[in-house]
Amino acid sequence: MLQFRFEAEVIHWRGPSPFFFAPIPAYHSEEIRRVSKLVTYGWGVIPVEAQIGGVVFRTSLFPKDEIYLLPLKVDVRRKTNITAGDPVCVDMTIRPAQR
């Protein structure tokens, strides 16, 4: 399992369904890409466990424009009181896909 710590600025994606993300820095995205085939469960999506402000959650990274995006669920944002433009410190562990 790979573990990372990074800081990011929360972004808002309006898309067909609005969502908030923490962009993974490019240098970590390169490492994630190297193991992606071993851990993805399809479509390049990577399962992770992350922690922000003491809140631990499981989600999946999405590939986007040479980096990955960490989705920030509504429940996580409410508990940590974060929104678009806020800086976050993330501890994250890549998890093998559960089939």
PDB file of N, CA and C in Angstrom:
ATOM      1  N   MET A   1       0.837  -1.185   0.000  1.00  0.00           N
ATOM      2  CA  MET A   1       0.000   0.000   0.000  1.00  0.00           C
ATOM      3  C   MET A   1       0.876   1.240   0.000  1.00  0.00           C
ATOM      4  N   LEU A   2       0.479   2.213  -0.771  1.00  0.00           N
ATOM      5  CA  LEU A   2       1.188   3.490  -0.815  1.00  0.00           C
ATOM      6  C   LEU A   2       0.502   4.487   0.095  1.00  0.00           C
ATOM      7  N   GLN A   3       1.309   5.256   0.814  1.00  0.00           N
ATOM      8  CA  GLN A   3       0.770   6.295   1.683  1.00  0.00           C
ATOM      9  C   GLN A   3       1.331   7.639   1.247  1.00  0.00           C
ATOM     10  N   PHE A   4       0.490   8.649   1.321  1.00  0.00           N
ATOM     11  CA  PHE A   4       0.868   9.994   0.903  1.00  0.00           C
ATOM     12  C   PHE A   4       0.361  11.008   1.913  1.00  0.00           C
ATOM     13  N   ARG A   5       1.052  12.119   1.992  1.00  0.00           N
ATOM     14  CA  ARG A   5       0.563  13.305   2.695  1.00  0.00           C
ATOM     15  C   ARG A   5       0.772  14.456   1.731  1.00  0.00           C
ATOM     16  N   PHE A   6      -0.271  15.246   1.554  1.00  0.00           N
ATOM     17  CA  PHE A   6      -0.148  16.381   0.651  1.00  0.00           C
ATOM     18  C   PHE A   6      -1.099  17.492   1.074  1.00  0.00           C
ATOM     19  N   GLU A   7      -0.818  18.672   0.562  1.00  0.00           N
ATOM     20  CA  GLU A   7      -1.690  19.823   0.756  1.00  0.00           C
ATOM     21  C   GLU A   7      -2.266  20.208  -0.588  1.00  0.00           C
ATOM     22  N   ALA A   8      -3.513  20.656  -0.575  1.00  0.00           N
ATOM     23  CA  ALA A   8      -4.182  21.039  -1.816  1.00  0.00           C
ATOM     24  C   ALA A   8      -5.223  22.108  -1.511  1.00  0.00           C
ATOM     25  N   GLU A   9      -5.635  22.800  -2.554  1.00  0.00           N
ATOM     26  CA  GLU A   9      -6.730  23.757  -2.437  1.00  0.00           C
ATOM     27  C   GLU A   9      -7.974  23.086  -3.002  1.00  0.00           C
ATOM     28  N   VAL A  10      -9.050  23.074  -2.226  1.00  0.00           N
ATOM     29  CA  VAL A  10     -10.292  22.420  -2.638  1.00  0.00           C
ATOM     30  C   VAL A  10     -10.875  23.132  -3.854  1.00  0.00           C
ATOM     31  N   ILE A  11     -11.270  22.331  -4.844  1.00  0.00           N
ATOM     32  CA  ILE A  11     -11.891  22.888  -6.051  1.00  0.00           C
ATOM     33  C   ILE A  11     -13.336  22.399  -6.148  1.00  0.00           C
ATOM     34  N   HIS A  12     -14.152  23.175  -6.836  1.00  0.00           N
ATOM     35  CA  HIS A  12     -15.556  22.829  -7.070  1.00  0.00           C
ATOM     36  C   HIS A  12     -15.714  22.511  -8.552  1.00  0.00           C
ATOM     37  N   TRP A  13     -16.303  21.366  -8.838  1.00  0.00           N
ATOM     38  CA  TRP A  13     -16.580  20.979 -10.223  1.00  0.00           C
ATOM     39  C   TRP A  13     -18.084  20.968 -10.383  1.00  0.00           C
ATOM     40  N   ARG A  14     -18.575  21.777 -11.292  1.00  0.00           N
ATOM     41  CA  ARG A  14     -20.018  21.882 -11.468  1.00  0.00           C
ATOM     42  C   ARG A  14     -20.594  20.666 -12.165  1.00  0.00           C
ATOM     43  N   GLY A  15     -19.906  20.170 -13.198  1.00  0.00           N
ATOM     44  CA  GLY A  15     -20.314  18.951 -13.899  1.00  0.00           C
ATOM     45  C   GLY A  15     -21.807  18.723 -13.915  1.00  0.00           C
ATOM     46  N   PRO A  16     -22.237  17.565 -14.365  1.00  0.00           N
ATOM     47  CA  PRO A  16     -23.667  17.274 -14.302  1.00  0.00           C
ATOM     48  C   PRO A  16     -24.124  17.107 -12.852  1.00  0.00           C
ATOM     49  N   SER A  17     -23.190  16.747 -11.984  1.00  0.00           N
ATOM     50  CA  SER A  17     -23.484  16.602 -10.566  1.00  0.00           C
ATOM     51  C   SER A  17     -22.396  17.368  -9.814  1.00  0.00           C
ATOM     52  N   PRO A  18     -22.745  18.447  -9.112  1.00  0.00           N
ATOM     53  CA  PRO A  18     -21.707  19.247  -8.448  1.00  0.00           C
ATOM     54  C   PRO A  18     -20.947  18.439  -7.405  1.00  0.00           C
ATOM     55  N   PHE A  19     -19.634  18.662  -7.337  1.00  0.00           N
ATOM     56  CA  PHE A  19     -18.805  17.943  -6.385  1.00  0.00           C
ATOM     57  C   PHE A  19     -17.577  18.761  -6.054  1.00  0.00           C
ATOM     58  N   PHE A  20     -16.965  18.438  -4.932  1.00  0.00           N
ATOM     59  CA  PHE A  20     -15.752  19.102  -4.491  1.00  0.00           C
ATOM     60  C   PHE A  20     -14.613  18.086  -4.467  1.00  0.00           C
ATOM     61  N   PHE A  21     -13.412  18.559  -4.821  1.00  0.00           N
ATOM     62  CA  PHE A  21     -12.257  17.675  -4.922  1.00  0.00           C
ATOM     63  C   PHE A  21     -11.024  18.342  -4.333  1.00  0.00           C
ATOM     64  N   ALA A  22     -10.079  17.496  -3.889  1.00  0.00           N
ATOM     65  CA  ALA A  22      -8.724  17.941  -3.560  1.00  0.00           C
ATOM     66  C   ALA A  22      -7.827  17.370  -4.652  1.00  0.00           C
ATOM     67  N   PRO A  23      -7.243  18.222  -5.493  1.00  0.00           N
ATOM     68  CA  PRO A  23      -6.357  17.722  -6.557  1.00  0.00           C
ATOM     69  C   PRO A  23      -5.069  17.141  -5.960  1.00  0.00           C
ATOM     70  N   ILE A  24      -4.688  15.965  -6.412  1.00  0.00           N
ATOM     71  CA  ILE A  24      -3.456  15.324  -5.960  1.00  0.00           C
ATOM     72  C   ILE A  24      -2.288  15.980  -6.701  1.00  0.00           C
ATOM     73  N   PRO A  25      -1.235  16.397  -6.011  1.00  0.00           N
ATOM     74  CA  PRO A  25      -0.086  16.993  -6.702  1.00  0.00           C
ATOM     75  C   PRO A  25       0.493  16.057  -7.767  1.00  0.00           C
ATOM     76  N   ALA A  26       1.020  16.646  -8.810  1.00  0.00           N
ATOM     77  CA  ALA A  26       1.532  15.876  -9.955  1.00  0.00           C
ATOM     78  C   ALA A  26       2.578  14.845  -9.536  1.00  0.00           C
ATOM     79  N   TYR A  27       3.467  15.185  -8.600  1.00  0.00           N
ATOM     80  CA  TYR A  27       4.515  14.233  -8.218  1.00  0.00           C
ATOM     81  C   TYR A  27       3.936  12.992  -7.548  1.00  0.00           C
ATOM     82  N   HIS A  28       2.821  13.114  -6.820  1.00  0.00           N
ATOM     83  CA  HIS A  28       2.158  11.933  -6.260  1.00  0.00           C
ATOM     84  C   HIS A  28       1.348  11.213  -7.335  1.00  0.00           C
ATOM     85  N   SER A  29       0.773  11.966  -8.253  1.00  0.00           N
ATOM     86  CA  SER A  29      -0.022  11.357  -9.320  1.00  0.00           C
ATOM     87  C   SER A  29       0.816  10.414 -10.170  1.00  0.00           C
ATOM     88  N   GLU A  30       2.089  10.748 -10.368  1.00  0.00           N
ATOM     89  CA  GLU A  30       2.981   9.867 -11.132  1.00  0.00           C
ATOM     90  C   GLU A  30       3.151   8.529 -10.419  1.00  0.00           C
ATOM     91  N   GLU A  31       3.334   8.563  -9.102  1.00  0.00           N
ATOM     92  CA  GLU A  31       3.460   7.321  -8.330  1.00  0.00           C
ATOM     93  C   GLU A  31       2.166   6.508  -8.385  1.00  0.00           C
ATOM     94  N   ILE A  32       1.044   7.181  -8.260  1.00  0.00           N
ATOM     95  CA  ILE A  32      -0.256   6.506  -8.302  1.00  0.00           C
ATOM     96  C   ILE A  32      -0.458   5.843  -9.658  1.00  0.00           C
ATOM     97  N   ARG A  33      -0.109   6.543 -10.712  1.00  0.00           N
ATOM     98  CA  ARG A  33      -0.253   5.994 -12.072  1.00  0.00           C
ATOM     99  C   ARG A  33       0.552   4.706 -12.230  1.00  0.00           C
ATOM    100  N   ARG A  34       1.734   4.643 -11.596  1.00  0.00           N
ATOM    101  CA  ARG A  34       2.578   3.443 -11.709  1.00  0.00           C
ATOM    102  C   ARG A  34       1.920   2.208 -11.091  1.00  0.00           C
ATOM    103  N   VAL A  35       1.123   2.388 -10.048  1.00  0.00           N
ATOM    104  CA  VAL A  35       0.482   1.232  -9.406  1.00  0.00           C
ATOM    105  C   VAL A  35      -0.987   1.081  -9.791  1.00  0.00           C
ATOM    106  N   SER A  36      -1.479   1.967 -10.627  1.00  0.00           N
ATOM    107  CA  SER A  36      -2.910   1.999 -10.918  1.00  0.00           C
ATOM    108  C   SER A  36      -3.465   0.677 -11.449  1.00  0.00           C
ATOM    109  N   LYS A  37      -2.727  -0.001 -12.308  1.00  0.00           N
ATOM    110  CA  LYS A  37      -3.230  -1.256 -12.872  1.00  0.00           C
ATOM    111  C   LYS A  37      -3.353  -2.359 -11.824  1.00  0.00           C
ATOM    112  N   LEU A  38      -2.593  -2.247 -10.744  1.00  0.00           N
ATOM    113  CA  LEU A  38      -2.650  -3.246  -9.680  1.00  0.00           C
ATOM    114  C   LEU A  38      -3.811  -3.021  -8.715  1.00  0.00           C
ATOM    115  N   VAL A  39      -4.318  -1.787  -8.633  1.00  0.00           N
ATOM    116  CA  VAL A  39      -5.317  -1.478  -7.617  1.00  0.00           C
ATOM    117  C   VAL A  39      -6.661  -0.985  -8.159  1.00  0.00           C
ATOM    118  N   THR A  40      -6.733  -0.634  -9.428  1.00  0.00           N
ATOM    119  CA  THR A  40      -7.982  -0.095  -9.959  1.00  0.00           C
ATOM    120  C   THR A  40      -9.056  -1.178 -10.052  1.00  0.00           C
ATOM    121  N   TYR A  41     -10.283  -0.751  -9.939  1.00  0.00           N
ATOM    122  CA  TYR A  41     -11.391  -1.684 -10.164  1.00  0.00           C
ATOM    123  C   TYR A  41     -12.121  -1.334 -11.453  1.00  0.00           C
ATOM    124  N   GLY A  42     -11.474  -0.542 -12.305  1.00  0.00           N
ATOM    125  CA  GLY A  42     -12.010  -0.198 -13.616  1.00  0.00           C
ATOM    126  C   GLY A  42     -12.024   1.293 -13.862  1.00  0.00           C
ATOM    127  N   TRP A  43     -11.968   1.690 -15.102  1.00  0.00           N
ATOM    128  CA  TRP A  43     -12.039   3.081 -15.552  1.00  0.00           C
ATOM    129  C   TRP A  43     -10.935   3.960 -14.970  1.00  0.00           C
ATOM    130  N   GLY A  44      -9.869   3.355 -14.466  1.00  0.00           N
ATOM    131  CA  GLY A  44      -8.762   4.118 -13.896  1.00  0.00           C
ATOM    132  C   GLY A  44      -9.024   4.647 -12.503  1.00  0.00           C
ATOM    133  N   VAL A  45     -10.132   4.239 -11.888  1.00  0.00           N
ATOM    134  CA  VAL A  45     -10.508   4.697 -10.560  1.00  0.00           C
ATOM    135  C   VAL A  45      -9.700   3.932  -9.507  1.00  0.00           C
ATOM    136  N   ILE A  46      -9.149   4.641  -8.529  1.00  0.00           N
ATOM    137  CA  ILE A  46      -8.248   4.069  -7.533  1.00  0.00           C
ATOM    138  C   ILE A  46      -8.873   4.175  -6.134  1.00  0.00           C
ATOM    139  N   PRO A  47      -9.110   3.043  -5.443  1.00  0.00           N
ATOM    140  CA  PRO A  47      -9.678   3.100  -4.094  1.00  0.00           C
ATOM    141  C   PRO A  47      -8.648   3.594  -3.071  1.00  0.00           C
ATOM    142  N   VAL A  48      -9.104   4.485  -2.180  1.00  0.00           N
ATOM    143  CA  VAL A  48      -8.230   5.045  -1.154  1.00  0.00           C
ATOM    144  C   VAL A  48      -8.967   5.187   0.171  1.00  0.00           C
ATOM    145  N   GLU A  49      -8.163   5.307   1.225  1.00  0.00           N
ATOM    146  CA  GLU A  49      -8.669   5.756   2.516  1.00  0.00           C
ATOM    147  C   GLU A  49      -7.943   7.065   2.783  1.00  0.00           C
ATOM    148  N   ALA A  50      -8.686   8.089   3.157  1.00  0.00           N
ATOM    149  CA  ALA A  50      -8.087   9.407   3.366  1.00  0.00           C
ATOM    150  C   ALA A  50      -8.510   9.962   4.712  1.00  0.00           C
ATOM    151  N   GLN A  51      -7.716  10.928   5.178  1.00  0.00           N
ATOM    152  CA  GLN A  51      -8.037  11.614   6.421  1.00  0.00           C
ATOM    153  C   GLN A  51      -7.778  13.099   6.239  1.00  0.00           C
ATOM    154  N   ILE A  52      -8.787  13.889   6.616  1.00  0.00           N
ATOM    155  CA  ILE A  52      -8.676  15.346   6.603  1.00  0.00           C
ATOM    156  C   ILE A  52      -9.233  15.842   7.930  1.00  0.00           C
ATOM    157  N   GLY A  53      -8.438  16.607   8.646  1.00  0.00           N
ATOM    158  CA  GLY A  53      -8.904  17.189   9.899  1.00  0.00           C
ATOM    159  C   GLY A  53      -9.473  16.175  10.882  1.00  0.00           C
ATOM    160  N   GLY A  54      -8.880  15.001  10.963  1.00  0.00           N
ATOM    161  CA  GLY A  54      -9.342  13.984  11.893  1.00  0.00           C
ATOM    162  C   GLY A  54     -10.497  13.134  11.384  1.00  0.00           C
ATOM    163  N   VAL A  55     -11.028  13.456  10.210  1.00  0.00           N
ATOM    164  CA  VAL A  55     -12.133  12.695   9.623  1.00  0.00           C
ATOM    165  C   VAL A  55     -11.551  11.685   8.631  1.00  0.00           C
ATOM    166  N   VAL A  56     -11.787  10.399   8.896  1.00  0.00           N
ATOM    167  CA  VAL A  56     -11.299   9.324   8.028  1.00  0.00           C
ATOM    168  C   VAL A  56     -12.452   8.881   7.130  1.00  0.00           C
ATOM    169  N   PHE A  57     -12.158   8.693   5.833  1.00  0.00           N
ATOM    170  CA  PHE A  57     -13.196   8.267   4.899  1.00  0.00           C
ATOM    171  C   PHE A  57     -12.591   7.455   3.770  1.00  0.00           C
ATOM    172  N   ARG A  58     -13.418   6.634   3.145  1.00  0.00           N
ATOM    173  CA  ARG A  58     -13.007   5.852   1.979  1.00  0.00           C
ATOM    174  C   ARG A  58     -13.711   6.413   0.756  1.00  0.00           C
ATOM    175  N   THR A  59     -12.966   6.465  -0.331  1.00  0.00           N
ATOM    176  CA  THR A  59     -13.506   6.946  -1.593  1.00  0.00           C
ATOM    177  C   THR A  59     -12.611   6.416  -2.705  1.00  0.00           C
ATOM    178  N   SER A  60     -12.748   6.942  -3.886  1.00  0.00           N
ATOM    179  CA  SER A  60     -11.910   6.535  -5.014  1.00  0.00           C
ATOM    180  C   SER A  60     -11.425   7.751  -5.774  1.00  0.00           C
ATOM    181  N   LEU A  61     -10.135   7.736  -6.117  1.00  0.00           N
ATOM    182  CA  LEU A  61      -9.548   8.811  -6.914  1.00  0.00           C
ATOM    183  C   LEU A  61     -10.028   8.715  -8.351  1.00  0.00           C
ATOM    184  N   PHE A  62     -10.182   9.866  -8.981  1.00  0.00           N
ATOM    185  CA  PHE A  62     -10.550   9.923 -10.395  1.00  0.00           C
ATOM    186  C   PHE A  62      -9.393  10.514 -11.186  1.00  0.00           C
ATOM    187  N   PRO A  63      -9.016   9.884 -12.302  1.00  0.00           N
ATOM    188  CA  PRO A  63      -7.980  10.489 -13.145  1.00  0.00           C
ATOM    189  C   PRO A  63      -8.560  11.684 -13.894  1.00  0.00           C
ATOM    190  N   LYS A  64      -7.786  12.766 -13.967  1.00  0.00           N
ATOM    191  CA  LYS A  64      -8.228  13.969 -14.683  1.00  0.00           C
ATOM    192  C   LYS A  64      -7.016  14.779 -15.113  1.00  0.00           C
ATOM    193  N   ASP A  65      -6.813  14.885 -16.421  1.00  0.00           N
ATOM    194  CA  ASP A  65      -5.751  15.747 -16.971  1.00  0.00           C
ATOM    195  C   ASP A  65      -4.382  15.509 -16.335  1.00  0.00           C
ATOM    196  N   GLU A  66      -3.899  14.280 -16.358  1.00  0.00           N
ATOM    197  CA  GLU A  66      -2.567  13.917 -15.886  1.00  0.00           C
ATOM    198  C   GLU A  66      -2.408  13.884 -14.370  1.00  0.00           C
ATOM    199  N   ILE A  67      -3.457  14.206 -13.619  1.00  0.00           N
ATOM    200  CA  ILE A  67      -3.402  14.088 -12.159  1.00  0.00           C
ATOM    201  C   ILE A  67      -4.608  13.264 -11.703  1.00  0.00           C
ATOM    202  N   TYR A  68      -4.764  13.143 -10.406  1.00  0.00           N
ATOM    203  CA  TYR A  68      -5.935  12.485  -9.824  1.00  0.00           C
ATOM    204  C   TYR A  68      -6.642  13.473  -8.913  1.00  0.00           C
ATOM    205  N   LEU A  69      -7.947  13.277  -8.783  1.00  0.00           N
ATOM    206  CA  LEU A  69      -8.763  14.104  -7.913  1.00  0.00           C
ATOM    207  C   LEU A  69      -9.317  13.252  -6.774  1.00  0.00           C
ATOM    208  N   LEU A  70      -9.216  13.759  -5.549  1.00  0.00           N
ATOM    209  CA  LEU A  70      -9.778  13.103  -4.375  1.00  0.00           C
ATOM    210  C   LEU A  70     -11.152  13.715  -4.118  1.00  0.00           C
ATOM    211  N   PRO A  71     -12.231  12.945  -4.305  1.00  0.00           N
ATOM    212  CA  PRO A  71     -13.574  13.479  -4.047  1.00  0.00           C
ATOM    213  C   PRO A  71     -13.786  13.741  -2.549  1.00  0.00           C
ATOM    214  N   LEU A  72     -14.423  14.854  -2.254  1.00  0.00           N
ATOM    215  CA  LEU A  72     -14.731  15.211  -0.872  1.00  0.00           C
ATOM    216  C   LEU A  72     -16.250  15.157  -0.702  1.00  0.00           C
ATOM    217  N   LYS A  73     -16.709  14.074  -0.095  1.00  0.00           N
ATOM    218  CA  LYS A  73     -18.142  13.861   0.085  1.00  0.00           C
ATOM    219  C   LYS A  73     -18.734  14.944   0.983  1.00  0.00           C
ATOM    220  N   VAL A  74     -20.034  15.158   0.831  1.00  0.00           N
ATOM    221  CA  VAL A  74     -20.737  16.167   1.620  1.00  0.00           C
ATOM    222  C   VAL A  74     -20.513  15.940   3.115  1.00  0.00           C
ATOM    223  N   ASP A  75     -20.614  14.706   3.561  1.00  0.00           N
ATOM    224  CA  ASP A  75     -20.432  14.390   4.972  1.00  0.00           C
ATOM    225  C   ASP A  75     -19.044  14.812   5.468  1.00  0.00           C
ATOM    226  N   VAL A  76     -18.019  14.561   4.653  1.00  0.00           N
ATOM    227  CA  VAL A  76     -16.649  14.940   5.018  1.00  0.00           C
ATOM    228  C   VAL A  76     -16.530  16.459   5.082  1.00  0.00           C
ATOM    229  N   ARG A  77     -17.086  17.151   4.103  1.00  0.00           N
ATOM    230  CA  ARG A  77     -16.997  18.617   4.080  1.00  0.00           C
ATOM    231  C   ARG A  77     -17.736  19.243   5.257  1.00  0.00           C
ATOM    232  N   ARG A  78     -18.860  18.671   5.628  1.00  0.00           N
ATOM    233  CA  ARG A  78     -19.606  19.206   6.781  1.00  0.00           C
ATOM    234  C   ARG A  78     -18.815  19.021   8.070  1.00  0.00           C
ATOM    235  N   LYS A  79     -18.260  17.826   8.252  1.00  0.00           N
ATOM    236  CA  LYS A  79     -17.518  17.539   9.488  1.00  0.00           C
ATOM    237  C   LYS A  79     -16.246  18.366   9.611  1.00  0.00           C
ATOM    238  N   THR A  80     -15.628  18.700   8.480  1.00  0.00           N
ATOM    239  CA  THR A  80     -14.374  19.460   8.505  1.00  0.00           C
ATOM    240  C   THR A  80     -14.580  20.944   8.212  1.00  0.00           C
ATOM    241  N   ASN A  81     -15.807  21.304   7.837  1.00  0.00           N
ATOM    242  CA  ASN A  81     -16.148  22.693   7.524  1.00  0.00           C
ATOM    243  C   ASN A  81     -15.270  23.265   6.411  1.00  0.00           C
ATOM    244  N   ILE A  82     -15.110  22.493   5.327  1.00  0.00           N
ATOM    245  CA  ILE A  82     -14.311  22.973   4.189  1.00  0.00           C
ATOM    246  C   ILE A  82     -15.188  23.162   2.957  1.00  0.00           C
ATOM    247  N   THR A  83     -14.750  24.076   2.101  1.00  0.00           N
ATOM    248  CA  THR A  83     -15.444  24.344   0.853  1.00  0.00           C
ATOM    249  C   THR A  83     -14.420  24.769  -0.208  1.00  0.00           C
ATOM    250  N   ALA A  84     -14.884  25.106  -1.386  1.00  0.00           N
ATOM    251  CA  ALA A  84     -14.000  25.491  -2.493  1.00  0.00           C
ATOM    252  C   ALA A  84     -13.075  26.629  -2.071  1.00  0.00           C
ATOM    253  N   GLY A  85     -11.804  26.482  -2.443  1.00  0.00           N
ATOM    254  CA  GLY A  85     -10.803  27.499  -2.157  1.00  0.00           C
ATOM    255  C   GLY A  85     -10.070  27.293  -0.845  1.00  0.00           C
ATOM    256  N   ASP A  86     -10.590  26.416   0.006  1.00  0.00           N
ATOM    257  CA  ASP A  86      -9.933  26.161   1.289  1.00  0.00           C
ATOM    258  C   ASP A  86      -8.710  25.262   1.113  1.00  0.00           C
ATOM    259  N   PRO A  87      -7.639  25.534   1.850  1.00  0.00           N
ATOM    260  CA  PRO A  87      -6.490  24.620   1.834  1.00  0.00           C
ATOM    261  C   PRO A  87      -6.781  23.434   2.759  1.00  0.00           C
ATOM    262  N   VAL A  88      -6.355  22.242   2.345  1.00  0.00           N
ATOM    263  CA  VAL A  88      -6.517  21.047   3.174  1.00  0.00           C
ATOM    264  C   VAL A  88      -5.205  20.276   3.210  1.00  0.00           C
ATOM    265  N   CYS A  89      -4.983  19.600   4.329  1.00  0.00           N
ATOM    266  CA  CYS A  89      -3.862  18.676   4.456  1.00  0.00           C
ATOM    267  C   CYS A  89      -4.477  17.280   4.478  1.00  0.00           C
ATOM    268  N   VAL A  90      -4.015  16.419   3.585  1.00  0.00           N
ATOM    269  CA  VAL A  90      -4.615  15.096   3.405  1.00  0.00           C
ATOM    270  C   VAL A  90      -3.575  14.010   3.671  1.00  0.00           C
ATOM    271  N   ASP A  91      -3.959  13.037   4.490  1.00  0.00           N
ATOM    272  CA  ASP A  91      -3.209  11.794   4.627  1.00  0.00           C
ATOM    273  C   ASP A  91      -4.016  10.759   3.866  1.00  0.00           C
ATOM    274  N   MET A  92      -3.367  10.025   2.973  1.00  0.00           N
ATOM    275  CA  MET A  92      -4.095   9.134   2.083  1.00  0.00           C
ATOM    276  C   MET A  92      -3.327   7.831   1.877  1.00  0.00           C
ATOM    277  N   THR A  93      -4.070   6.733   1.830  1.00  0.00           N
ATOM    278  CA  THR A  93      -3.495   5.415   1.592  1.00  0.00           C
ATOM    279  C   THR A  93      -4.211   4.774   0.417  1.00  0.00           C
ATOM    280  N   ILE A  94      -3.447   4.309  -0.568  1.00  0.00           N
ATOM    281  CA  ILE A  94      -4.011   3.554  -1.694  1.00  0.00           C
ATOM    282  C   ILE A  94      -4.395   2.185  -1.180  1.00  0.00           C
ATOM    283  N   ARG A  95      -5.590   1.737  -1.485  1.00  0.00           N
ATOM    284  CA  ARG A  95      -6.084   0.428  -1.056  1.00  0.00           C
ATOM    285  C   ARG A  95      -6.307  -0.461  -2.269  1.00  0.00           C
ATOM    286  N   PRO A  96      -6.050  -1.761  -2.128  1.00  0.00           N
ATOM    287  CA  PRO A  96      -6.383  -2.660  -3.233  1.00  0.00           C
ATOM    288  C   PRO A  96      -7.897  -2.716  -3.416  1.00  0.00           C
ATOM    289  N   ALA A  97      -8.327  -2.878  -4.650  1.00  0.00           N
ATOM    290  CA  ALA A  97      -9.762  -2.968  -4.944  1.00  0.00           C
ATOM    291  C   ALA A  97     -10.336  -4.213  -4.299  1.00  0.00           C
ATOM    292  N   GLN A  98     -11.515  -4.095  -3.734  1.00  0.00           N
ATOM    293  CA  GLN A  98     -12.205  -5.244  -3.154  1.00  0.00           C
ATOM    294  C   GLN A  98     -13.188  -5.758  -4.195  1.00  0.00           C
ATOM    295  N   ARG A  99     -13.009  -6.981  -4.552  1.00  0.00           N
ATOM    296  CA  ARG A  99     -13.866  -7.567  -5.604  1.00  0.00           C
ATOM    297  C   ARG A  99     -14.795  -8.580  -5.015  1.00  0.00           C
TER     298      ARG A  99
END
